[in-house]
Amino acid sequence: MSKSKTSGYKGPYQKRKEGELRSIFRYKCGLTNTIQDVLRQRPGWVEVKDDGEWDFNWCDVGWLRENYDHSYMEEHVRICHFRNHYELTRKNLMVKNLKRYRKSLERESGRLEAAKCDFFPRTFELPSEYHLFVEEFKRSPGSTWIMKPVARSQGKGIFLFRKLKDIMDWKKDGTRSEEQRDETQVESYVAQRYIENPYLISGRKFDLRVYVLVTSYIPLKAWLYRDGFARFSSTRFSLNSIDDHYVHLTNVAVQKTAPDYDPEKGCKWEIQKLRRYLTAKHGSDTIESLFKEIDNIFVRSLQSVQKVIINDKHCFELYGYDILLDQDLKPWLIEVNASPSLTASSQEDYEMKCRLLEDTLHIVDMEGRLTGREKRVGGFDLMWNDGPVYRDDVNLETLGLSCFPANTHLGCINDRDKQLRHILKPFPGQKKT
């Protein structure tokens, strides 16, 4: 990779014979957490510093914003974000694209098809949609709303409210710190109907963090990871205390500051444990249907931005989806993260994220160890490949179209080691064992 738009890749590894595998990969990494450990342990990968030439870059979105448009990338180079990833990962743009997509579905396929996009709460961007918001607010007096800055994460800047005067009070200089006052002058926010009836376990609210890897938007190719986790609040749920973040926000960054937070115990369940719990309580058919609805959220949200994301063969994106269940077992899309936290909160969390990142690198496949026809790579299952992907063990001729089981296994057993040994060619320079 080179910063110059006219010069290409420079380095001793460029010239090689047809079909010959590259043996050394130079990577740049802007993070210091789990991904750095995974990259360092990958055979044949060497870290470069500062302005050194690189083949692979796990960058933060700030680096992307400053450098992408001024960079020339050779054929083999890969980078971990799409240029305008924010069309899906900024809260206001995500809702804008979903609303537009839902309208186009209704126009082209009817209301029944458009209803499949009814998985996000009523949302308005402020200040631009303030008057529309006020009209909706007055239709449901006493309801709880949640205010979020469109481009921040980890629960920063979020608060709940029930009265319009709460927004006015919040804007007044005397109610915010100097730093927050400066931020409100430049940031947009979304006002969103708060899910007042979340599904509770032991009286506590939780949401799901699920990982989706996109390697292309045109055509759309998306992979769903089997592992993930539920993030619990540390305090029992109640609508009587809307100012208590430990009740309403499940972000680990928030919960770990709670007075009674136990770092050994944490506030997470692995998603397999959650699926077993829900299945035992509600039955396998009900939970199978729930997880199909969650699959629908992933596919529809990606389709909503497919025509606006700048597709680039050098780019891939590992998204962190936040999904909330209500007491009727309806899943709601809360937000999509372009930079899901890779910092581990426990040894178990560290091991899961290492597996996730290793399998991400397997799919990106800098080393050329895959055939390109795989429907599963480690813990990732190919969910969409320019159309739905179905499981291999299905006789399509004997099933009705609506019965095709999707090739998704969220919360199912992740026997990745055995599967990887079966499909992966050895690393360059290694012999198959």
Protein backbone atom coordinates (compact mmCIF):
# COMPACT_ATOMS: atom_id res chain seq x y z
CA MET A 1 0.00 0.00 0.00
CA SER A 2 1.22 3.50 -0.67
CA LYS A 3 -0.03 6.93 0.28
CA SER A 4 0.65 8.18 -3.22
CA LYS A 5 -2.16 7.87 -5.74
CA THR A 6 0.27 7.38 -8.58
CA SER A 7 2.75 4.90 -7.16
CA GLY A 8 1.81 1.36 -6.24
CA TYR A 9 2.82 -1.28 -3.76
CA LYS A 10 6.54 -1.24 -2.97
CA GLY A 11 8.43 -4.02 -1.30
CA PRO A 12 10.29 -7.28 -1.68
CA TYR A 13 7.14 -9.45 -1.69
CA GLN A 14 5.40 -8.05 -4.75
CA LYS A 15 6.89 -10.20 -7.51
CA ARG A 16 5.97 -13.85 -7.34
CA LYS A 17 5.07 -16.59 -9.75
CA GLU A 18 1.51 -17.25 -10.91
CA GLY A 19 -0.39 -19.10 -8.18
CA GLU A 20 2.47 -18.77 -5.68
CA LEU A 21 1.34 -17.93 -2.13
CA ARG A 22 2.72 -14.84 -0.44
CA SER A 23 4.73 -15.93 2.59
CA ILE A 24 5.08 -12.69 4.57
CA PHE A 25 2.33 -10.19 5.33
CA ARG A 26 2.99 -6.77 6.74
CA TYR A 27 0.22 -5.43 8.93
CA LYS A 28 -0.55 -2.14 10.57
CA CYS A 29 -2.79 -2.03 13.64
CA GLY A 30 -4.18 1.08 15.30
CA LEU A 31 -5.49 -0.77 18.36
CA THR A 32 -3.69 -2.27 21.35
CA ASN A 33 -6.20 -4.89 22.49
CA THR A 34 -7.15 -8.42 21.43
CA ILE A 35 -6.72 -7.83 17.69
CA GLN A 36 -3.07 -6.92 18.24
CA ASP A 37 -2.49 -10.25 20.03
CA VAL A 38 -4.21 -12.18 17.24
CA LEU A 39 -2.21 -10.47 14.50
CA ARG A 40 1.10 -11.00 16.29
CA GLN A 41 0.44 -14.72 16.64
CA ARG A 42 -0.47 -15.28 13.00
CA PRO A 43 2.30 -17.20 11.15
CA GLY A 44 4.17 -15.06 8.63
CA TRP A 45 2.60 -11.75 9.70
CA VAL A 46 4.95 -8.90 10.62
CA GLU A 47 3.96 -5.58 12.16
CA VAL A 48 5.06 -2.32 10.55
CA LYS A 49 5.21 1.01 12.32
CA ASP A 50 4.57 4.60 11.33
CA ASP A 51 4.68 5.08 7.53
CA GLY A 52 5.97 1.62 6.64
CA GLU A 53 4.40 -0.19 3.69
CA TRP A 54 1.64 -2.61 4.68
CA ASP A 55 -0.56 -5.33 3.19
CA PHE A 56 -3.27 -5.35 5.88
CA ASN A 57 -4.54 -2.55 8.10
CA TRP A 58 -6.78 -2.92 11.13
CA CYS A 59 -7.36 0.79 11.57
CA ASP A 60 -9.77 2.88 13.58
CA VAL A 61 -12.39 4.96 11.79
CA GLY A 62 -10.43 8.15 12.49
CA TRP A 63 -7.48 6.88 10.46
CA LEU A 64 -9.85 5.85 7.68
CA ARG A 65 -11.43 9.30 7.54
CA GLU A 66 -8.06 11.03 7.28
CA ASN A 67 -6.21 8.65 4.94
CA TYR A 68 -8.51 6.51 2.79
CA ASP A 69 -9.16 9.07 0.05
CA HIS A 70 -5.43 9.75 -0.33
CA SER A 71 -4.32 6.12 -0.47
CA TYR A 72 -3.58 3.87 -3.40
CA MET A 73 -4.04 0.17 -2.60
CA GLU A 74 -2.67 -2.73 -4.59
CA GLU A 75 -4.85 -5.71 -5.50
CA HIS A 76 -3.97 -7.85 -2.46
CA VAL A 77 -4.28 -5.11 0.21
CA ARG A 78 -7.10 -5.30 2.78
CA ILE A 79 -8.50 -2.76 5.26
CA CYS A 80 -11.09 -3.30 8.00
CA HIS A 81 -13.71 -0.64 7.13
CA PHE A 82 -15.74 0.45 4.14
CA ARG A 83 -15.24 4.09 3.24
CA ASN A 84 -18.71 5.26 4.33
CA HIS A 85 -19.46 2.61 6.94
CA TYR A 86 -21.30 5.30 8.91
CA GLU A 87 -24.37 4.91 6.66
CA LEU A 88 -25.16 1.91 8.86
CA THR A 89 -23.29 2.69 12.06
CA ARG A 90 -24.35 6.26 12.80
CA LYS A 91 -27.67 6.07 14.62
CA ASN A 92 -29.41 8.76 12.58
CA LEU A 93 -28.21 7.47 9.19
CA MET A 94 -29.07 3.88 10.07
CA VAL A 95 -32.67 4.87 10.76
CA LYS A 96 -32.81 7.14 7.70
CA ASN A 97 -31.69 4.29 5.44
CA LEU A 98 -34.02 1.78 7.08
CA LYS A 99 -37.00 4.14 6.66
CA ARG A 100 -36.16 4.69 3.00
CA TYR A 101 -35.69 0.97 2.41
CA ARG A 102 -39.02 0.18 4.10
CA LYS A 103 -40.80 2.71 1.88
CA SER A 104 -39.24 1.22 -1.26
CA LEU A 105 -40.31 -2.27 -0.17
CA GLU A 106 -43.87 -1.11 0.40
CA ARG A 107 -43.93 0.56 -3.02
CA GLU A 108 -42.45 -2.43 -4.84
CA SER A 109 -43.67 -5.45 -2.85
CA GLY A 110 -46.53 -4.29 -0.62
CA ARG A 111 -47.09 -3.65 3.06
CA LEU A 112 -46.58 -7.25 4.14
CA GLU A 113 -43.02 -7.25 2.85
CA ALA A 114 -42.35 -3.76 4.24
CA ALA A 115 -43.55 -4.95 7.67
CA LYS A 116 -40.47 -7.17 7.82
CA CYS A 117 -38.52 -3.96 8.50
CA ASP A 118 -40.56 -3.06 11.59
CA PHE A 119 -37.74 -3.91 13.96
CA PHE A 120 -36.51 -0.48 15.04
CA PRO A 121 -38.27 1.90 17.47
CA ARG A 122 -39.83 5.20 16.40
CA THR A 123 -36.86 7.51 15.95
CA PHE A 124 -36.34 11.18 15.14
CA GLU A 125 -33.18 13.15 14.52
CA LEU A 126 -32.81 16.31 16.56
CA PRO A 127 -32.75 19.15 15.96
CA SER A 128 -33.72 18.66 12.27
CA GLU A 129 -36.89 16.61 12.98
CA TYR A 130 -37.84 18.32 16.20
CA HIS A 131 -41.33 19.34 15.07
CA LEU A 132 -42.13 15.83 13.82
CA PHE A 133 -40.87 14.48 17.10
CA VAL A 134 -43.10 16.83 19.11
CA GLU A 135 -46.17 15.70 17.14
CA GLU A 136 -45.38 12.05 17.89
CA PHE A 137 -44.50 12.83 21.49
CA LYS A 138 -47.91 14.44 22.08
CA ARG A 139 -49.71 11.39 20.67
CA SER A 140 -48.43 9.24 23.52
CA PRO A 141 -48.25 11.35 26.68
CA GLY A 142 -46.41 9.73 29.56
CA SER A 143 -44.30 7.47 27.34
CA THR A 144 -40.58 7.16 27.94
CA TRP A 145 -38.09 8.29 25.31
CA ILE A 146 -34.35 7.88 25.12
CA MET A 147 -31.95 10.50 23.79
CA LYS A 148 -28.66 9.41 22.17
CA PRO A 149 -25.83 11.26 20.43
CA VAL A 150 -25.65 9.87 16.89
CA ALA A 151 -21.92 9.18 16.73
CA ARG A 152 -20.84 8.12 20.19
CA SER A 153 -20.64 4.73 21.86
CA GLN A 154 -20.31 3.02 25.26
CA GLY A 155 -23.42 4.76 26.59
CA LYS A 156 -21.89 8.24 26.50
CA GLY A 157 -24.33 11.16 26.42
CA ILE A 158 -27.48 8.99 26.72
CA PHE A 159 -30.43 9.86 28.97
CA LEU A 160 -34.13 9.00 29.31
CA PHE A 161 -36.98 11.51 29.53
CA ARG A 162 -40.78 11.77 29.68
CA LYS A 163 -41.36 15.52 29.35
CA LEU A 164 -40.39 18.00 26.64
CA LYS A 165 -39.13 20.34 29.33
CA ASP A 166 -36.52 17.67 30.18
CA ILE A 167 -34.90 18.36 26.81
CA MET A 168 -35.08 22.09 27.38
CA ASP A 169 -33.54 21.75 30.84
CA TRP A 170 -30.82 19.53 29.45
CA LYS A 171 -29.90 22.16 26.86
CA LYS A 172 -29.48 24.89 29.45
CA ASP A 173 -25.90 25.66 30.27
CA GLY A 174 -26.35 25.16 33.96
CA THR A 175 -27.35 21.50 33.66
CA ARG A 176 -24.34 20.22 31.66
CA SER A 177 -20.60 20.28 32.11
CA GLU A 178 -18.55 22.65 29.95
CA GLU A 179 -17.39 19.73 27.80
CA GLN A 180 -20.97 18.51 27.31
CA ARG A 181 -22.21 22.00 26.46
CA ASP A 182 -19.61 22.26 23.70
CA GLU A 183 -20.61 18.85 22.37
CA THR A 184 -24.31 19.70 22.16
CA GLN A 185 -23.53 22.61 19.85
CA VAL A 186 -22.00 20.38 17.19
CA GLU A 187 -23.60 16.97 17.70
CA SER A 188 -26.87 15.65 16.41
CA TYR A 189 -28.99 13.38 18.58
CA VAL A 190 -31.73 10.88 18.03
CA ALA A 191 -34.84 10.76 20.18
CA GLN A 192 -36.17 7.20 20.22
CA ARG A 193 -39.16 5.51 21.81
CA TYR A 194 -37.79 3.60 24.76
CA ILE A 195 -38.67 -0.11 24.90
CA GLU A 196 -40.61 -0.02 28.15
CA ASN A 197 -41.28 -3.77 28.30
CA PRO A 198 -37.90 -5.45 27.86
CA TYR A 199 -37.53 -9.17 28.39
CA LEU A 200 -36.08 -9.65 31.87
CA ILE A 201 -33.99 -12.42 33.39
CA SER A 202 -33.87 -12.33 37.19
CA GLY A 203 -35.52 -8.93 36.93
CA ARG A 204 -32.66 -7.44 34.91
CA LYS A 205 -32.58 -5.99 31.43
CA PHE A 206 -30.11 -7.26 28.83
CA ASP A 207 -29.28 -6.91 25.16
CA LEU A 208 -27.41 -9.09 22.68
CA ARG A 209 -24.09 -8.33 21.01
CA VAL A 210 -23.87 -10.28 17.75
CA TYR A 211 -21.12 -10.18 15.11
CA VAL A 212 -21.71 -9.94 11.36
CA LEU A 213 -18.84 -9.85 8.86
CA VAL A 214 -19.40 -8.25 5.44
CA THR A 215 -16.79 -8.90 2.76
CA SER A 216 -18.71 -7.30 -0.13
CA TYR A 217 -21.77 -5.13 -0.67
CA ILE A 218 -22.00 -5.63 -4.45
CA PRO A 219 -22.86 -8.44 -4.45
CA LEU A 220 -23.79 -8.59 -0.78
CA LYS A 221 -21.84 -11.28 1.05
CA ALA A 222 -22.35 -11.54 4.80
CA TRP A 223 -21.28 -14.01 7.49
CA LEU A 224 -22.88 -14.52 10.93
CA TYR A 225 -20.78 -15.60 13.91
CA ARG A 226 -22.08 -18.37 16.16
CA ASP A 227 -20.73 -16.82 19.36
CA GLY A 228 -21.75 -13.56 20.98
CA PHE A 229 -23.07 -12.57 24.37
CA ALA A 230 -25.89 -11.02 26.35
CA ARG A 231 -24.96 -7.92 28.36
CA PHE A 232 -26.93 -7.49 31.59
CA SER A 233 -27.61 -4.46 33.70
CA SER A 234 -26.46 -4.76 37.29
CA THR A 235 -29.67 -3.37 38.79
CA ARG A 236 -33.22 -4.72 38.61
CA PHE A 237 -35.37 -3.07 35.96
CA SER A 238 -37.86 -0.36 36.90
CA LEU A 239 -39.44 2.55 35.07
CA ASN A 240 -39.61 4.44 38.34
CA SER A 241 -35.95 5.42 38.08
CA ILE A 242 -35.31 6.60 34.54
CA ASP A 243 -32.22 8.54 35.62
CA ASP A 244 -30.39 5.41 36.80
CA HIS A 245 -28.03 4.28 34.01
CA TYR A 246 -27.24 1.06 35.85
CA VAL A 247 -30.88 0.04 35.33
CA HIS A 248 -31.36 1.05 31.70
CA LEU A 249 -27.99 0.91 29.91
CA THR A 250 -26.39 -2.49 29.40
CA ASN A 251 -23.07 -1.19 28.01
CA VAL A 252 -20.17 -2.86 29.81
CA ALA A 253 -18.41 0.52 29.94
CA VAL A 254 -21.33 1.78 32.06
CA GLN A 255 -21.98 -1.33 34.14
CA LYS A 256 -18.38 -1.81 35.26
CA THR A 257 -18.56 1.54 37.09
CA ALA A 258 -21.49 0.34 39.23
CA PRO A 259 -20.68 0.22 42.98
CA ASP A 260 -21.55 -3.49 43.21
CA TYR A 261 -19.90 -4.57 39.94
CA ASP A 262 -17.93 -7.81 40.33
CA PRO A 263 -15.15 -8.04 37.68
CA GLU A 264 -14.79 -11.77 38.31
CA LYS A 265 -18.48 -12.43 37.72
CA GLY A 266 -18.94 -9.75 35.05
CA CYS A 267 -22.28 -8.93 33.47
CA LYS A 268 -22.32 -11.23 30.43
CA TRP A 269 -23.78 -14.55 29.38
CA GLU A 270 -22.43 -16.32 26.33
CA ILE A 271 -25.15 -16.45 23.70
CA GLN A 272 -25.28 -20.26 23.78
CA LYS A 273 -26.28 -20.09 27.45
CA LEU A 274 -28.98 -17.53 26.66
CA ARG A 275 -30.38 -19.65 23.82
CA ARG A 276 -30.51 -22.74 26.08
CA TYR A 277 -32.29 -20.70 28.78
CA LEU A 278 -34.88 -19.30 26.37
CA THR A 279 -35.45 -22.70 24.74
CA ALA A 280 -36.02 -24.37 28.12
CA LYS A 281 -38.52 -21.67 29.06
CA HIS A 282 -40.40 -21.16 25.78
CA GLY A 283 -39.76 -24.26 23.66
CA SER A 284 -37.53 -24.88 20.67
CA ASP A 285 -40.08 -23.83 18.01
CA THR A 286 -40.65 -20.41 19.59
CA ILE A 287 -36.93 -19.71 19.99
CA GLU A 288 -36.14 -21.00 16.50
CA SER A 289 -38.67 -18.48 15.20
CA LEU A 290 -37.13 -15.73 17.35
CA PHE A 291 -33.67 -16.36 15.94
CA LYS A 292 -35.07 -16.31 12.39
CA GLU A 293 -36.44 -12.85 13.15
CA ILE A 294 -33.01 -11.80 14.36
CA ASP A 295 -31.48 -13.13 11.12
CA ASN A 296 -34.01 -10.98 9.24
CA ILE A 297 -32.71 -7.89 11.07
CA PHE A 298 -29.16 -8.54 9.87
CA VAL A 299 -30.11 -9.10 6.25
CA ARG A 300 -32.63 -6.24 5.95
CA SER A 301 -30.35 -3.71 7.63
CA LEU A 302 -27.49 -4.59 5.26
CA GLN A 303 -29.80 -4.43 2.26
CA SER A 304 -30.96 -0.99 3.39
CA VAL A 305 -27.46 0.42 2.85
CA GLN A 306 -26.35 -1.81 -0.01
CA LYS A 307 -26.88 0.87 -2.64
CA VAL A 308 -25.25 3.67 -0.66
CA ILE A 309 -22.16 1.99 0.79
CA ILE A 310 -19.10 2.55 -1.42
CA ASN A 311 -18.15 -1.01 -2.30
CA ASP A 312 -14.41 -1.63 -2.51
CA LYS A 313 -12.79 -5.04 -2.92
CA HIS A 314 -10.06 -3.97 -0.50
CA CYS A 315 -12.55 -3.48 2.34
CA PHE A 316 -14.35 -5.68 4.83
CA GLU A 317 -16.25 -4.82 7.99
CA LEU A 318 -16.87 -6.66 11.26
CA TYR A 319 -20.08 -5.17 12.65
CA GLY A 320 -21.27 -5.45 16.23
CA TYR A 321 -25.09 -5.59 16.28
CA ASP A 322 -26.98 -4.67 19.45
CA ILE A 323 -30.35 -6.43 19.67
CA LEU A 324 -32.94 -6.03 22.46
CA LEU A 325 -35.76 -8.48 23.16
CA ASP A 326 -39.07 -7.31 24.56
CA GLN A 327 -41.33 -9.39 26.80
CA ASP A 328 -43.21 -10.66 23.74
CA LEU A 329 -39.92 -12.03 22.36
CA LYS A 330 -39.86 -9.46 19.59
CA PRO A 331 -36.28 -8.49 18.66
CA TRP A 332 -35.44 -4.79 18.19
CA LEU A 333 -32.39 -3.36 16.47
CA ILE A 334 -30.83 -0.80 18.81
CA GLU A 335 -27.69 0.07 16.88
CA VAL A 336 -24.85 -1.26 14.73
CA ASN A 337 -21.22 -0.64 15.68
CA ALA A 338 -18.41 -0.23 13.15
CA SER A 339 -15.81 -0.69 15.87
CA PRO A 340 -17.28 -3.19 18.35
CA SER A 341 -15.21 -3.35 21.51
CA LEU A 342 -12.37 -5.85 21.23
CA THR A 343 -11.18 -5.22 24.78
CA ALA A 344 -11.86 -8.29 26.91
CA SER A 345 -13.74 -8.03 30.19
CA SER A 346 -12.75 -11.55 31.34
CA GLN A 347 -10.63 -14.52 30.27
CA GLU A 348 -13.69 -16.14 28.69
CA ASP A 349 -14.45 -12.93 26.80
CA TYR A 350 -10.82 -12.71 25.64
CA GLU A 351 -10.87 -16.25 24.27
CA MET A 352 -14.16 -15.67 22.45
CA LYS A 353 -12.87 -12.48 20.83
CA CYS A 354 -9.64 -14.19 19.82
CA ARG A 355 -11.65 -16.91 18.07
CA LEU A 356 -13.83 -14.27 16.40
CA LEU A 357 -10.85 -12.32 15.10
CA GLU A 358 -8.91 -15.39 13.99
CA ASP A 359 -11.93 -16.54 11.97
CA THR A 360 -12.34 -13.04 10.52
CA LEU A 361 -8.76 -13.23 9.24
CA HIS A 362 -9.41 -16.73 7.88
CA ILE A 363 -12.31 -15.37 5.79
CA VAL A 364 -10.40 -12.30 4.61
CA ASP A 365 -7.87 -14.96 3.58
CA MET A 366 -4.75 -12.98 2.77
CA GLU A 367 -2.86 -16.28 2.56
CA GLY A 368 -5.13 -17.94 -0.03
CA ARG A 369 -6.00 -20.95 2.14
CA LEU A 370 -9.69 -21.17 1.12
CA THR A 371 -11.39 -22.23 -2.11
CA GLY A 372 -13.93 -19.36 -2.01
CA ARG A 373 -16.85 -21.81 -2.04
CA GLU A 374 -17.06 -22.35 1.72
CA LYS A 375 -20.37 -21.92 3.53
CA ARG A 376 -18.72 -22.13 6.91
CA VAL A 377 -15.32 -20.96 8.14
CA GLY A 378 -14.65 -21.63 11.82
CA GLY A 379 -17.40 -19.97 13.82
CA PHE A 380 -18.72 -17.99 10.84
CA ASP A 381 -21.62 -19.24 8.71
CA LEU A 382 -22.28 -17.70 5.30
CA MET A 383 -25.68 -16.07 5.74
CA TRP A 384 -26.10 -14.21 2.45
CA ASN A 385 -24.26 -14.54 -0.85
CA ASP A 386 -26.12 -12.36 -3.38
CA GLY A 387 -29.18 -14.19 -2.03
CA PRO A 388 -30.07 -16.39 0.95
CA VAL A 389 -27.78 -19.31 1.77
CA TYR A 390 -29.33 -22.59 2.89
CA ARG A 391 -27.95 -25.42 4.93
CA ASP A 392 -26.17 -28.25 3.15
CA ASP A 393 -28.28 -30.97 4.77
CA VAL A 394 -31.54 -29.78 3.13
CA ASN A 395 -33.31 -31.42 0.19
CA LEU A 396 -34.60 -28.30 -1.55
CA GLU A 397 -36.77 -30.30 -3.96
CA THR A 398 -38.93 -31.70 -1.17
CA LEU A 399 -39.42 -28.47 0.77
CA GLY A 400 -41.64 -25.48 0.13
CA LEU A 401 -39.76 -22.22 -0.42
CA SER A 402 -40.83 -20.83 2.95
CA CYS A 403 -39.39 -23.89 4.72
CA PHE A 404 -35.79 -23.55 3.58
CA PRO A 405 -33.61 -23.51 6.72
CA ALA A 406 -31.15 -20.63 6.56
CA ASN A 407 -27.45 -21.35 6.97
CA THR A 408 -27.31 -19.56 10.33
CA HIS A 409 -26.43 -21.04 13.71
CA LEU A 410 -26.36 -18.13 16.16
CA GLY A 411 -26.07 -19.48 19.70
CA CYS A 412 -25.40 -23.03 18.51
CA ILE A 413 -22.33 -25.18 19.16
CA ASN A 414 -19.15 -23.66 17.76
CA ASP A 415 -16.93 -26.67 17.02
CA ARG A 416 -14.62 -24.48 14.99
CA ASP A 417 -11.26 -26.20 15.56
CA LYS A 418 -12.31 -29.45 13.91
CA GLN A 419 -13.99 -27.62 11.05
CA LEU A 420 -10.97 -25.39 10.39
CA ARG A 421 -8.60 -28.35 10.29
CA HIS A 422 -10.86 -29.86 7.65
CA ILE A 423 -11.11 -26.86 5.29
CA LEU A 424 -7.94 -24.79 5.64
CA LYS A 425 -4.83 -25.35 3.60
CA PRO A 426 -1.59 -25.01 5.60
CA PHE A 427 -0.10 -21.57 6.06
CA PRO A 428 2.55 -20.78 3.42
CA GLY A 429 5.69 -22.69 4.35
CA GLN A 430 3.87 -25.10 6.66
CA LYS A 431 3.08 -28.77 6.06
CA LYS A 432 -0.41 -30.16 6.56
CA THR A 433 -0.58 -32.17 9.79
